[in-house]
PDB file of N, CA and C in Angstrom:
ATOM      1  N   MET A   1      -7.069 -19.877   7.038  1.00  0.00           N
ATOM      2  CA  MET A   1      -7.575 -18.365   7.452  1.00  0.00           C
ATOM      3  C   MET A   1      -7.741 -17.210   6.633  1.00  0.00           C
ATOM      4  N   ARG A   2      -8.331 -16.578   6.350  1.00  0.00           N
ATOM      5  CA  ARG A   2      -8.175 -15.702   5.586  1.00  0.00           C
ATOM      6  C   ARG A   2      -7.705 -14.333   6.442  1.00  0.00           C
ATOM      7  N   PHE A   3      -7.078 -13.683   5.523  1.00  0.00           N
ATOM      8  CA  PHE A   3      -6.418 -11.938   6.582  1.00  0.00           C
ATOM      9  C   PHE A   3      -7.115 -10.892   6.023  1.00  0.00           C
ATOM     10  N   GLU A   4      -7.395  -9.881   6.856  1.00  0.00           N
ATOM     11  CA  GLU A   4      -7.735  -8.790   6.051  1.00  0.00           C
ATOM     12  C   GLU A   4      -7.323  -8.117   7.328  1.00  0.00           C
ATOM     13  N   TYR A   5      -6.442  -6.992   6.998  1.00  0.00           N
ATOM     14  CA  TYR A   5      -6.026  -5.934   7.962  1.00  0.00           C
ATOM     15  C   TYR A   5      -6.936  -4.746   7.934  1.00  0.00           C
ATOM     16  N   THR A   6      -7.269  -4.481   8.993  1.00  0.00           N
ATOM     17  CA  THR A   6      -7.773  -3.096   9.284  1.00  0.00           C
ATOM     18  C   THR A   6      -7.623  -2.097  10.153  1.00  0.00           C
ATOM     19  N   VAL A   7      -7.595  -0.909   9.790  1.00  0.00           N
ATOM     20  CA  VAL A   7      -7.433   0.442  10.809  1.00  0.00           C
ATOM     21  C   VAL A   7      -8.550   1.078  11.038  1.00  0.00           C
ATOM     22  N   LYS A   8      -8.761   1.202  12.684  1.00  0.00           N
ATOM     23  CA  LYS A   8      -9.840   2.023  12.939  1.00  0.00           C
ATOM     24  C   LYS A   8      -9.513   3.459  12.945  1.00  0.00           C
ATOM     25  N   SER A   9     -10.278   4.376  12.569  1.00  0.00           N
ATOM     26  CA  SER A   9      -9.744   5.680  12.716  1.00  0.00           C
ATOM     27  C   SER A   9     -11.057   6.453  13.712  1.00  0.00           C
ATOM     28  N   ASP A  10     -10.469   7.591  14.333  1.00  0.00           N
ATOM     29  CA  ASP A  10     -11.384   8.828  15.062  1.00  0.00           C
ATOM     30  C   ASP A  10     -12.525   8.751  14.165  1.00  0.00           C
ATOM     31  N   ILE A  11     -12.275   9.386  12.860  1.00  0.00           N
ATOM     32  CA  ILE A  11     -13.807   9.977  12.492  1.00  0.00           C
ATOM     33  C   ILE A  11     -14.735   8.856  11.904  1.00  0.00           C
ATOM     34  N   PHE A  12     -14.265   7.926  12.456  1.00  0.00           N
ATOM     35  CA  PHE A  12     -15.409   6.528  11.859  1.00  0.00           C
ATOM     36  C   PHE A  12     -16.293   6.183  12.793  1.00  0.00           C
ATOM     37  N   THR A  13     -17.228   5.761  13.045  1.00  0.00           N
ATOM     38  CA  THR A  13     -17.957   4.902  13.981  1.00  0.00           C
ATOM     39  C   THR A  13     -17.223   3.538  14.109  1.00  0.00           C
ATOM     40  N   SER A  14     -17.386   2.859  15.355  1.00  0.00           N
ATOM     41  CA  SER A  14     -16.758   1.588  15.682  1.00  0.00           C
ATOM     42  C   SER A  14     -17.085   0.821  14.496  1.00  0.00           C
ATOM     43  N   SER A  15     -17.975   0.648  14.442  1.00  0.00           N
ATOM     44  CA  SER A  15     -18.650  -0.586  12.917  1.00  0.00           C
ATOM     45  C   SER A  15     -18.148  -0.319  11.476  1.00  0.00           C
ATOM     46  N   GLN A  16     -17.862   1.224  11.277  1.00  0.00           N
ATOM     47  CA  GLN A  16     -16.937   1.105  10.201  1.00  0.00           C
ATOM     48  C   GLN A  16     -15.236   0.927  10.298  1.00  0.00           C
ATOM     49  N   ARG A  17     -14.936   0.252   8.995  1.00  0.00           N
ATOM     50  CA  ARG A  17     -13.613  -0.003   8.944  1.00  0.00           C
ATOM     51  C   ARG A  17     -12.713  -0.043   7.845  1.00  0.00           C
ATOM     52  N   ILE A  18     -11.591   0.174   8.061  1.00  0.00           N
ATOM     53  CA  ILE A  18     -10.928   0.145   6.493  1.00  0.00           C
ATOM     54  C   ILE A  18     -10.076  -0.819   6.031  1.00  0.00           C
ATOM     55  N   ILE A  19     -10.203  -1.412   5.078  1.00  0.00           N
ATOM     56  CA  ILE A  19      -9.501  -2.506   4.487  1.00  0.00           C
ATOM     57  C   ILE A  19      -8.545  -2.069   3.684  1.00  0.00           C
ATOM     58  N   LEU A  20      -7.046  -2.099   4.218  1.00  0.00           N
ATOM     59  CA  LEU A  20      -6.090  -2.254   3.645  1.00  0.00           C
ATOM     60  C   LEU A  20      -5.617  -3.407   2.437  1.00  0.00           C
ATOM     61  N   ILE A  21      -5.564  -4.212   3.250  1.00  0.00           N
ATOM     62  CA  ILE A  21      -5.083  -5.536   2.493  1.00  0.00           C
ATOM     63  C   ILE A  21      -5.909  -6.591   2.857  1.00  0.00           C
ATOM     64  N   LYS A  22      -5.791  -7.457   1.650  1.00  0.00           N
ATOM     65  CA  LYS A  22      -6.419  -8.783   1.925  1.00  0.00           C
ATOM     66  C   LYS A  22      -5.834  -9.782   1.220  1.00  0.00           C
ATOM     67  N   GLU A  23      -6.278 -11.350   1.784  1.00  0.00           N
ATOM     68  CA  GLU A  23      -5.158 -12.182   0.962  1.00  0.00           C
ATOM     69  C   GLU A  23      -6.057 -12.830   0.318  1.00  0.00           C
ATOM     70  N   THR A  24      -5.460 -12.890  -0.558  1.00  0.00           N
ATOM     71  CA  THR A  24      -6.083 -13.856  -1.810  1.00  0.00           C
ATOM     72  C   THR A  24      -5.080 -14.912  -2.476  1.00  0.00           C
ATOM     73  N   LYS A  25      -5.816 -15.725  -3.148  1.00  0.00           N
ATOM     74  CA  LYS A  25      -5.077 -17.123  -3.900  1.00  0.00           C
ATOM     75  C   LYS A  25      -3.408 -16.512  -4.124  1.00  0.00           C
ATOM     76  N   GLU A  26      -3.324 -15.218  -4.646  1.00  0.00           N
ATOM     77  CA  GLU A  26      -2.446 -15.015  -5.391  1.00  0.00           C
ATOM     78  C   GLU A  26      -1.349 -14.459  -4.578  1.00  0.00           C
ATOM     79  N   GLY A  27      -1.753 -14.113  -3.358  1.00  0.00           N
ATOM     80  CA  GLY A  27      -1.307 -13.324  -2.418  1.00  0.00           C
ATOM     81  C   GLY A  27      -1.541 -12.058  -1.379  1.00  0.00           C
ATOM     82  N   LEU A  28      -0.978 -11.436  -1.543  1.00  0.00           N
ATOM     83  CA  LEU A  28      -1.423 -10.001  -0.498  1.00  0.00           C
ATOM     84  C   LEU A  28      -2.133  -8.761  -1.370  1.00  0.00           C
ATOM     85  N   LEU A  29      -3.360  -8.610  -1.340  1.00  0.00           N
ATOM     86  CA  LEU A  29      -3.738  -7.264  -1.996  1.00  0.00           C
ATOM     87  C   LEU A  29      -3.510  -6.281  -1.521  1.00  0.00           C
ATOM     88  N   LEU A  30      -2.772  -5.047  -1.753  1.00  0.00           N
ATOM     89  CA  LEU A  30      -2.692  -3.641  -0.619  1.00  0.00           C
ATOM     90  C   LEU A  30      -3.358  -2.966  -1.780  1.00  0.00           C
ATOM     91  N   SER A  31      -4.149  -2.111  -1.050  1.00  0.00           N
ATOM     92  CA  SER A  31      -4.867  -0.917  -1.732  1.00  0.00           C
ATOM     93  C   SER A  31      -4.175   0.648  -1.614  1.00  0.00           C
ATOM     94  N   VAL A  32      -3.686   1.262  -2.769  1.00  0.00           N
ATOM     95  CA  VAL A  32      -2.785   2.032  -2.570  1.00  0.00           C
ATOM     96  C   VAL A  32      -3.659   3.477  -3.250  1.00  0.00           C
ATOM     97  N   LYS A  33      -3.528   4.322  -2.819  1.00  0.00           N
ATOM     98  CA  LYS A  33      -3.463   5.976  -3.430  1.00  0.00           C
ATOM     99  C   LYS A  33      -2.481   6.352  -3.892  1.00  0.00           C
ATOM    100  N   VAL A  34      -1.526   6.930  -5.045  1.00  0.00           N
ATOM    101  CA  VAL A  34      -0.778   7.555  -5.448  1.00  0.00           C
ATOM    102  C   VAL A  34      -0.759   8.690  -5.454  1.00  0.00           C
ATOM    103  N   LYS A  35       0.196   9.912  -4.754  1.00  0.00           N
ATOM    104  CA  LYS A  35       0.216  11.303  -5.687  1.00  0.00           C
ATOM    105  C   LYS A  35       1.579  11.608  -5.728  1.00  0.00           C
ATOM    106  N   PRO A  36       1.332  11.430  -7.444  1.00  0.00           N
ATOM    107  CA  PRO A  36       2.926  11.798  -8.026  1.00  0.00           C
ATOM    108  C   PRO A  36       3.151  13.309  -8.031  1.00  0.00           C
ATOM    109  N   LYS A  37       4.223  13.653  -8.096  1.00  0.00           N
ATOM    110  CA  LYS A  37       4.646  14.853  -8.672  1.00  0.00           C
ATOM    111  C   LYS A  37       5.038  15.332  -6.913  1.00  0.00           C
ATOM    112  N   SER A  38       4.971  14.699  -6.007  1.00  0.00           N
ATOM    113  CA  SER A  38       5.235  15.483  -4.718  1.00  0.00           C
ATOM    114  C   SER A  38       6.481  15.509  -4.109  1.00  0.00           C
ATOM    115  N   HIS A  39       6.798  16.370  -3.255  1.00  0.00           N
ATOM    116  CA  HIS A  39       7.945  16.814  -2.902  1.00  0.00           C
ATOM    117  C   HIS A  39       8.829  15.764  -2.302  1.00  0.00           C
ATOM    118  N   LYS A  40       8.714  14.246  -2.142  1.00  0.00           N
ATOM    119  CA  LYS A  40       9.202  13.723  -1.464  1.00  0.00           C
ATOM    120  C   LYS A  40       8.696  12.372  -1.798  1.00  0.00           C
ATOM    121  N   ASP A  41       9.391  11.253  -1.852  1.00  0.00           N
ATOM    122  CA  ASP A  41       8.580   9.765  -1.690  1.00  0.00           C
ATOM    123  C   ASP A  41       8.549   9.289  -0.321  1.00  0.00           C
ATOM    124  N   GLU A  42       7.114   8.934  -0.175  1.00  0.00           N
ATOM    125  CA  GLU A  42       6.683   8.467   1.259  1.00  0.00           C
ATOM    126  C   GLU A  42       5.535   7.844   1.488  1.00  0.00           C
ATOM    127  N   VAL A  43       5.223   6.762   2.547  1.00  0.00           N
ATOM    128  CA  VAL A  43       4.420   6.409   2.614  1.00  0.00           C
ATOM    129  C   VAL A  43       3.870   7.282   3.374  1.00  0.00           C
ATOM    130  N   GLU A  44       2.505   8.122   3.429  1.00  0.00           N
ATOM    131  CA  GLU A  44       1.778   9.003   4.264  1.00  0.00           C
ATOM    132  C   GLU A  44       1.042   8.686   5.022  1.00  0.00           C
ATOM    133  N   GLY A  45       0.409   7.399   5.049  1.00  0.00           N
ATOM    134  CA  GLY A  45      -0.699   6.855   6.158  1.00  0.00           C
ATOM    135  C   GLY A  45      -2.004   6.593   5.192  1.00  0.00           C
ATOM    136  N   VAL A  46      -2.596   6.738   6.017  1.00  0.00           N
ATOM    137  CA  VAL A  46      -4.363   5.851   5.587  1.00  0.00           C
ATOM    138  C   VAL A  46      -5.284   6.964   5.385  1.00  0.00           C
ATOM    139  N   GLU A  47      -5.903   7.001   4.245  1.00  0.00           N
ATOM    140  CA  GLU A  47      -6.893   8.096   3.514  1.00  0.00           C
ATOM    141  C   GLU A  47      -7.947   7.002   3.021  1.00  0.00           C
ATOM    142  N   ASN A  48      -9.191   7.083   3.799  1.00  0.00           N
ATOM    143  CA  ASN A  48     -10.348   6.239   3.354  1.00  0.00           C
ATOM    144  C   ASN A  48     -10.077   4.934   3.411  1.00  0.00           C
ATOM    145  N   ASP A  49      -9.983   4.193   2.053  1.00  0.00           N
ATOM    146  CA  ASP A  49      -9.726   2.546   2.008  1.00  0.00           C
ATOM    147  C   ASP A  49      -8.078   2.356   1.337  1.00  0.00           C
ATOM    148  N   TYR A  50      -7.465   3.416   1.671  1.00  0.00           N
ATOM    149  CA  TYR A  50      -6.028   3.157   0.772  1.00  0.00           C
ATOM    150  C   TYR A  50      -4.936   3.753   1.520  1.00  0.00           C
ATOM    151  N   LEU A  51      -4.118   3.253   1.179  1.00  0.00           N
ATOM    152  CA  LEU A  51      -2.586   3.588   1.721  1.00  0.00           C
ATOM    153  C   LEU A  51      -2.346   4.713   1.004  1.00  0.00           C
ATOM    154  N   LYS A  52      -2.233   5.649   1.491  1.00  0.00           N
ATOM    155  CA  LYS A  52      -1.335   6.830   0.794  1.00  0.00           C
ATOM    156  C   LYS A  52      -0.010   7.001   0.385  1.00  0.00           C
ATOM    157  N   VAL A  53       0.456   7.154  -0.637  1.00  0.00           N
ATOM    158  CA  VAL A  53       2.087   7.163  -1.017  1.00  0.00           C
ATOM    159  C   VAL A  53       1.829   8.059  -1.928  1.00  0.00           C
ATOM    160  N   ARG A  54       3.090   9.319  -1.108  1.00  0.00           N
ATOM    161  CA  ARG A  54       3.581  10.041  -1.608  1.00  0.00           C
ATOM    162  C   ARG A  54       4.637   9.970  -3.123  1.00  0.00           C
ATOM    163  N   ILE A  55       4.880  10.336  -4.305  1.00  0.00           N
ATOM    164  CA  ILE A  55       5.923   9.886  -4.890  1.00  0.00           C
ATOM    165  C   ILE A  55       6.318  11.108  -5.860  1.00  0.00           C
ATOM    166  N   ARG A  56       7.989  11.334  -5.899  1.00  0.00           N
ATOM    167  CA  ARG A  56       8.433  12.126  -6.647  1.00  0.00           C
ATOM    168  C   ARG A  56       7.947  12.540  -8.305  1.00  0.00           C
ATOM    169  N   ALA A  57       8.317  10.954  -8.903  1.00  0.00           N
ATOM    170  CA  ALA A  57       8.191  10.952 -10.264  1.00  0.00           C
ATOM    171  C   ALA A  57       7.081  11.224 -10.614  1.00  0.00           C
ATOM    172  N   ALA A  58       6.999  12.033 -11.834  1.00  0.00           N
ATOM    173  CA  ALA A  58       5.686  12.059 -12.994  1.00  0.00           C
ATOM    174  C   ALA A  58       5.312  11.210 -13.524  1.00  0.00           C
ATOM    175  N   PRO A  59       3.887  10.993 -13.224  1.00  0.00           N
ATOM    176  CA  PRO A  59       2.972   9.448 -13.781  1.00  0.00           C
ATOM    177  C   PRO A  59       3.571   9.306 -15.536  1.00  0.00           C
ATOM    178  N   GLU A  60       4.918   9.286 -16.024  1.00  0.00           N
ATOM    179  CA  GLU A  60       5.447   9.383 -17.329  1.00  0.00           C
ATOM    180  C   GLU A  60       5.997   8.367 -17.650  1.00  0.00           C
ATOM    181  N   LYS A  61       5.356   7.003 -18.716  1.00  0.00           N
ATOM    182  CA  LYS A  61       6.656   6.022 -19.209  1.00  0.00           C
ATOM    183  C   LYS A  61       6.840   5.133 -17.905  1.00  0.00           C
ATOM    184  N   GLY A  62       6.233   5.364 -16.692  1.00  0.00           N
ATOM    185  CA  GLY A  62       5.729   3.987 -15.436  1.00  0.00           C
ATOM    186  C   GLY A  62       6.701   4.498 -14.880  1.00  0.00           C
ATOM    187  N   ASN A  63       7.270   5.580 -14.715  1.00  0.00           N
ATOM    188  CA  ASN A  63       8.168   6.458 -13.750  1.00  0.00           C
ATOM    189  C   ASN A  63       7.648   6.214 -12.212  1.00  0.00           C
ATOM    190  N   ALA A  64       6.254   6.823 -12.251  1.00  0.00           N
ATOM    191  CA  ALA A  64       5.656   6.850 -10.927  1.00  0.00           C
ATOM    192  C   ALA A  64       5.239   5.688 -10.310  1.00  0.00           C
ATOM    193  N   ASN A  65       5.210   4.392 -11.645  1.00  0.00           N
ATOM    194  CA  ASN A  65       4.820   2.893 -11.062  1.00  0.00           C
ATOM    195  C   ASN A  65       6.448   2.258 -10.044  1.00  0.00           C
ATOM    196  N   ASP A  66       7.518   2.766 -10.994  1.00  0.00           N
ATOM    197  CA  ASP A  66       9.048   2.111 -10.461  1.00  0.00           C
ATOM    198  C   ASP A  66       8.906   2.869  -9.347  1.00  0.00           C
ATOM    199  N   SER A  67       8.662   4.001  -8.820  1.00  0.00           N
ATOM    200  CA  SER A  67       8.889   4.539  -7.897  1.00  0.00           C
ATOM    201  C   SER A  67       8.064   4.316  -6.342  1.00  0.00           C
ATOM    202  N   LEU A  68       6.914   4.136  -6.887  1.00  0.00           N
ATOM    203  CA  LEU A  68       6.086   3.561  -5.818  1.00  0.00           C
ATOM    204  C   LEU A  68       6.275   1.827  -5.493  1.00  0.00           C
ATOM    205  N   ILE A  69       6.749   1.085  -6.629  1.00  0.00           N
ATOM    206  CA  ILE A  69       7.592  -0.190  -5.832  1.00  0.00           C
ATOM    207  C   ILE A  69       8.492   0.263  -5.023  1.00  0.00           C
ATOM    208  N   GLU A  70       9.367   0.996  -5.518  1.00  0.00           N
ATOM    209  CA  GLU A  70      10.631   1.374  -4.990  1.00  0.00           C
ATOM    210  C   GLU A  70      10.615   1.768  -3.331  1.00  0.00           C
ATOM    211  N   THR A  71       9.442   2.573  -3.177  1.00  0.00           N
ATOM    212  CA  THR A  71       9.174   3.302  -2.025  1.00  0.00           C
ATOM    213  C   THR A  71       8.705   2.277  -1.121  1.00  0.00           C
ATOM    214  N   LEU A  72       7.494   1.566  -1.688  1.00  0.00           N
ATOM    215  CA  LEU A  72       6.974   0.458  -0.605  1.00  0.00           C
ATOM    216  C   LEU A  72       7.874  -0.447  -0.223  1.00  0.00           C
ATOM    217  N   SER A  73       8.994  -1.446  -1.220  1.00  0.00           N
ATOM    218  CA  SER A  73       9.778  -2.004  -0.875  1.00  0.00           C
ATOM    219  C   SER A  73      10.753  -1.285   0.248  1.00  0.00           C
ATOM    220  N   LEU A  74      10.873  -0.307   0.216  1.00  0.00           N
ATOM    221  CA  LEU A  74      11.735   0.314   1.163  1.00  0.00           C
ATOM    222  C   LEU A  74      10.620   0.268   2.597  1.00  0.00           C
ATOM    223  N   PHE A  75       9.753   0.700   2.615  1.00  0.00           N
ATOM    224  CA  PHE A  75       8.739   0.386   3.828  1.00  0.00           C
ATOM    225  C   PHE A  75       8.285  -0.332   4.707  1.00  0.00           C
ATOM    226  N   PHE A  76       8.395  -1.360   3.797  1.00  0.00           N
ATOM    227  CA  PHE A  76       8.067  -2.487   4.073  1.00  0.00           C
ATOM    228  C   PHE A  76       9.347  -3.460   4.301  1.00  0.00           C
ATOM    229  N   GLY A  77      10.710  -2.977   3.891  1.00  0.00           N
ATOM    230  CA  GLY A  77      11.853  -3.825   4.185  1.00  0.00           C
ATOM    231  C   GLY A  77      11.496  -5.299   3.072  1.00  0.00           C
ATOM    232  N   ILE A  78      10.734  -5.201   2.059  1.00  0.00           N
ATOM    233  CA  ILE A  78      11.129  -6.626   1.146  1.00  0.00           C
ATOM    234  C   ILE A  78      11.725  -6.064   0.081  1.00  0.00           C
ATOM    235  N   PRO A  79      11.976  -6.896  -0.838  1.00  0.00           N
ATOM    236  CA  PRO A  79      13.082  -7.117  -2.025  1.00  0.00           C
ATOM    237  C   PRO A  79      11.788  -6.235  -3.377  1.00  0.00           C
ATOM    238  N   LYS A  80      11.949  -5.547  -3.995  1.00  0.00           N
ATOM    239  CA  LYS A  80      11.578  -4.926  -5.120  1.00  0.00           C
ATOM    240  C   LYS A  80      10.691  -5.680  -5.801  1.00  0.00           C
ATOM    241  N   SER A  81      11.619  -6.868  -6.138  1.00  0.00           N
ATOM    242  CA  SER A  81      11.010  -8.287  -7.053  1.00  0.00           C
ATOM    243  C   SER A  81       9.930  -8.948  -6.800  1.00  0.00           C
ATOM    244  N   HIS A  82       9.707  -8.557  -5.507  1.00  0.00           N
ATOM    245  CA  HIS A  82       8.304  -9.207  -4.732  1.00  0.00           C
ATOM    246  C   HIS A  82       7.404  -8.281  -4.693  1.00  0.00           C
ATOM    247  N   ILE A  83       7.377  -7.191  -5.333  1.00  0.00           N
ATOM    248  CA  ILE A  83       6.125  -6.330  -5.201  1.00  0.00           C
ATOM    249  C   ILE A  83       5.563  -5.672  -6.632  1.00  0.00           C
ATOM    250  N   GLU A  84       4.663  -6.199  -7.207  1.00  0.00           N
ATOM    251  CA  GLU A  84       3.942  -5.763  -8.376  1.00  0.00           C
ATOM    252  C   GLU A  84       2.769  -4.990  -8.449  1.00  0.00           C
ATOM    253  N   ILE A  85       2.399  -4.394  -9.381  1.00  0.00           N
ATOM    254  CA  ILE A  85       1.160  -3.906  -9.499  1.00  0.00           C
ATOM    255  C   ILE A  85       0.263  -4.809 -10.053  1.00  0.00           C
ATOM    256  N   ALA A  86      -0.928  -4.829  -9.533  1.00  0.00           N
ATOM    257  CA  ALA A  86      -1.986  -5.846 -10.026  1.00  0.00           C
ATOM    258  C   ALA A  86      -3.201  -5.468 -10.760  1.00  0.00           C
ATOM    259  N   SER A  87      -3.472  -4.334 -10.413  1.00  0.00           N
ATOM    260  CA  SER A  87      -4.172  -3.208 -11.506  1.00  0.00           C
ATOM    261  C   SER A  87      -3.960  -2.291 -10.992  1.00  0.00           C
ATOM    262  N   GLY A  88      -4.426  -1.033 -12.172  1.00  0.00           N
ATOM    263  CA  GLY A  88      -4.232   0.423 -11.635  1.00  0.00           C
ATOM    264  C   GLY A  88      -3.340   0.996 -12.172  1.00  0.00           C
ATOM    265  N   ALA A  89      -2.665   0.257 -13.134  1.00  0.00           N
ATOM    266  CA  ALA A  89      -0.854   0.741 -13.811  1.00  0.00           C
ATOM    267  C   ALA A  89      -0.852   2.137 -14.228  1.00  0.00           C
ATOM    268  N   THR A  90      -1.934   2.495 -14.555  1.00  0.00           N
ATOM    269  CA  THR A  90      -2.021   3.796 -15.388  1.00  0.00           C
ATOM    270  C   THR A  90      -3.312   4.513 -14.458  1.00  0.00           C
ATOM    271  N   SER A  91      -3.287   4.518 -13.413  1.00  0.00           N
ATOM    272  CA  SER A  91      -4.198   4.942 -12.316  1.00  0.00           C
ATOM    273  C   SER A  91      -3.657   5.530 -10.890  1.00  0.00           C
ATOM    274  N   ARG A  92      -4.199   6.249 -10.368  1.00  0.00           N
ATOM    275  CA  ARG A  92      -3.576   6.588  -9.066  1.00  0.00           C
ATOM    276  C   ARG A  92      -4.335   6.011  -8.166  1.00  0.00           C
ATOM    277  N   ILE A  93      -5.252   4.913  -8.178  1.00  0.00           N
ATOM    278  CA  ILE A  93      -5.760   4.046  -7.564  1.00  0.00           C
ATOM    279  C   ILE A  93      -5.205   2.748  -7.725  1.00  0.00           C
ATOM    280  N   LYS A  94      -4.457   1.865  -6.668  1.00  0.00           N
ATOM    281  CA  LYS A  94      -3.767   0.957  -7.964  1.00  0.00           C
ATOM    282  C   LYS A  94      -3.786  -0.419  -6.230  1.00  0.00           C
ATOM    283  N   LYS A  95      -3.665  -1.484  -7.272  1.00  0.00           N
ATOM    284  CA  LYS A  95      -4.123  -2.985  -6.250  1.00  0.00           C
ATOM    285  C   LYS A  95      -2.587  -3.767  -6.549  1.00  0.00           C
ATOM    286  N   ILE A  96      -1.380  -3.405  -5.270  1.00  0.00           N
ATOM    287  CA  ILE A  96      -0.363  -4.234  -4.967  1.00  0.00           C
ATOM    288  C   ILE A  96      -0.431  -5.778  -4.781  1.00  0.00           C
ATOM    289  N   LEU A  97       0.601  -6.555  -5.186  1.00  0.00           N
ATOM    290  CA  LEU A  97       0.447  -7.762  -4.900  1.00  0.00           C
ATOM    291  C   LEU A  97       1.506  -7.904  -4.354  1.00  0.00           C
ATOM    292  N   ILE A  98       1.539  -8.585  -3.472  1.00  0.00           N
ATOM    293  CA  ILE A  98       2.706  -8.846  -2.446  1.00  0.00           C
ATOM    294  C   ILE A  98       2.668 -10.603  -1.872  1.00  0.00           C
ATOM    295  N   PRO A  99       3.446 -11.237  -2.146  1.00  0.00           N
ATOM    296  CA  PRO A  99       3.518 -12.667  -1.595  1.00  0.00           C
ATOM    297  C   PRO A  99       3.266 -12.816  -0.125  1.00  0.00           C
ATOM    298  N   LEU A 100       2.429 -14.053   0.099  1.00  0.00           N
ATOM    299  CA  LEU A 100       1.820 -14.380   1.271  1.00  0.00           C
ATOM    300  C   LEU A 100       2.698 -14.297   2.459  1.00  0.00           C
ATOM    301  N   LYS A 101       3.956 -14.414   1.738  1.00  0.00           N
ATOM    302  CA  LYS A 101       5.122 -15.226   2.650  1.00  0.00           C
ATOM    303  C   LYS A 101       5.667 -13.986   3.476  1.00  0.00           C
ATOM    304  N   TYR A 102       5.072 -12.417   3.144  1.00  0.00           N
ATOM    305  CA  TYR A 102       5.416 -11.311   3.451  1.00  0.00           C
ATOM    306  C   TYR A 102       4.172 -10.702   4.657  1.00  0.00           C
ATOM    307  N   MET A 103       3.103 -11.844   5.116  1.00  0.00           N
ATOM    308  CA  MET A 103       2.160 -11.099   5.427  1.00  0.00           C
ATOM    309  C   MET A 103       2.419 -10.583   7.163  1.00  0.00           C
ATOM    310  N   PHE A 104       3.097 -11.457   7.683  1.00  0.00           N
ATOM    311  CA  PHE A 104       3.433 -10.840   9.305  1.00  0.00           C
ATOM    312  C   PHE A 104       4.443  -9.477   8.943  1.00  0.00           C
ATOM    313  N   ILE A 105       5.245  -9.114   8.304  1.00  0.00           N
ATOM    314  CA  ILE A 105       6.077  -8.257   8.301  1.00  0.00           C
ATOM    315  C   ILE A 105       5.253  -7.220   7.692  1.00  0.00           C
ATOM    316  N   ILE A 106       4.041  -6.971   6.833  1.00  0.00           N
ATOM    317  CA  ILE A 106       3.040  -6.506   6.230  1.00  0.00           C
ATOM    318  C   ILE A 106       2.339  -5.576   7.621  1.00  0.00           C
ATOM    319  N   LYS A 107       1.973  -6.672   8.217  1.00  0.00           N
ATOM    320  CA  LYS A 107       1.129  -6.506   9.190  1.00  0.00           C
ATOM    321  C   LYS A 107       1.320  -5.713  10.362  1.00  0.00           C
ATOM    322  N   GLU A 108       2.985  -6.017  10.721  1.00  0.00           N
ATOM    323  CA  GLU A 108       3.260  -5.290  11.753  1.00  0.00           C
ATOM    324  C   GLU A 108       3.718  -3.887  11.549  1.00  0.00           C
ATOM    325  N   LYS A 109       4.306  -3.750  10.163  1.00  0.00           N
ATOM    326  CA  LYS A 109       4.582  -2.672   9.941  1.00  0.00           C
ATOM    327  C   LYS A 109       3.793  -1.506   9.706  1.00  0.00           C
ATOM    328  N   LEU A 110       2.510  -1.907   9.290  1.00  0.00           N
ATOM    329  CA  LEU A 110       1.076  -1.157   9.182  1.00  0.00           C
ATOM    330  C   LEU A 110       1.076  -0.764  10.630  1.00  0.00           C
ATOM    331  N   LYS A 111       0.838  -1.889  11.616  1.00  0.00           N
ATOM    332  CA  LYS A 111       0.285  -1.513  12.773  1.00  0.00           C
ATOM    333  C   LYS A 111       1.272  -0.817  13.240  1.00  0.00           C
ATOM    334  N   SER A 112       2.275  -0.569  13.463  1.00  0.00           N
ATOM    335  CA  SER A 112       3.563  -0.080  13.822  1.00  0.00           C
ATOM    336  C   SER A 112       4.026   1.389  13.557  1.00  0.00           C
ATOM    337  N   ASP A 113       3.639   1.596  12.341  1.00  0.00           N
ATOM    338  CA  ASP A 113       4.014   2.823  11.596  1.00  0.00           C
ATOM    339  C   ASP A 113       2.686   3.754  11.346  1.00  0.00           C
ATOM    340  N   LEU A 114       1.701   3.157  11.315  1.00  0.00           N
ATOM    341  CA  LEU A 114       0.372   4.031  10.666  1.00  0.00           C
ATOM    342  C   LEU A 114      -0.856   3.746  11.540  1.00  0.00           C
ATOM    343  N   SER A 115      -0.565   3.000  12.627  1.00  0.00           N
ATOM    344  CA  SER A 115      -1.855   2.865  13.728  1.00  0.00           C
ATOM    345  C   SER A 115      -1.742   3.940  14.929  1.00  0.00           C
ATOM    346  N   GLN A 116      -0.332   4.867  14.767  1.00  0.00           N
ATOM    347  CA  GLN A 116       0.060   5.782  15.580  1.00  0.00           C
ATOM    348  C   GLN A 116      -0.748   7.056  15.521  1.00  0.00           C
TER     349      GLN A 116
END
């Protein structure tokens, strides 16, 4: 069974859905939009097709990517070593790969924190 987590938003009609995370053979792919040089590190919420994450670090020498992984690790409560950037290492739009064994944790965290 394939897993896609979606969030409905009031600004969309009931037929439109935001796909935040998708199950693949390699693991879960999380769509993330990063805002570097922010005032704090935080998962802000859902924006369009992405999980919006603010990062204090500047996008230099991989600092923002490291901060992104740390922020996601703290938000989901999973080890940093199990989170990797699958694509978009030099872009603000990224695909984050997380092992399938964390599917339930991620689904519940997104549901409880972002669907409010």
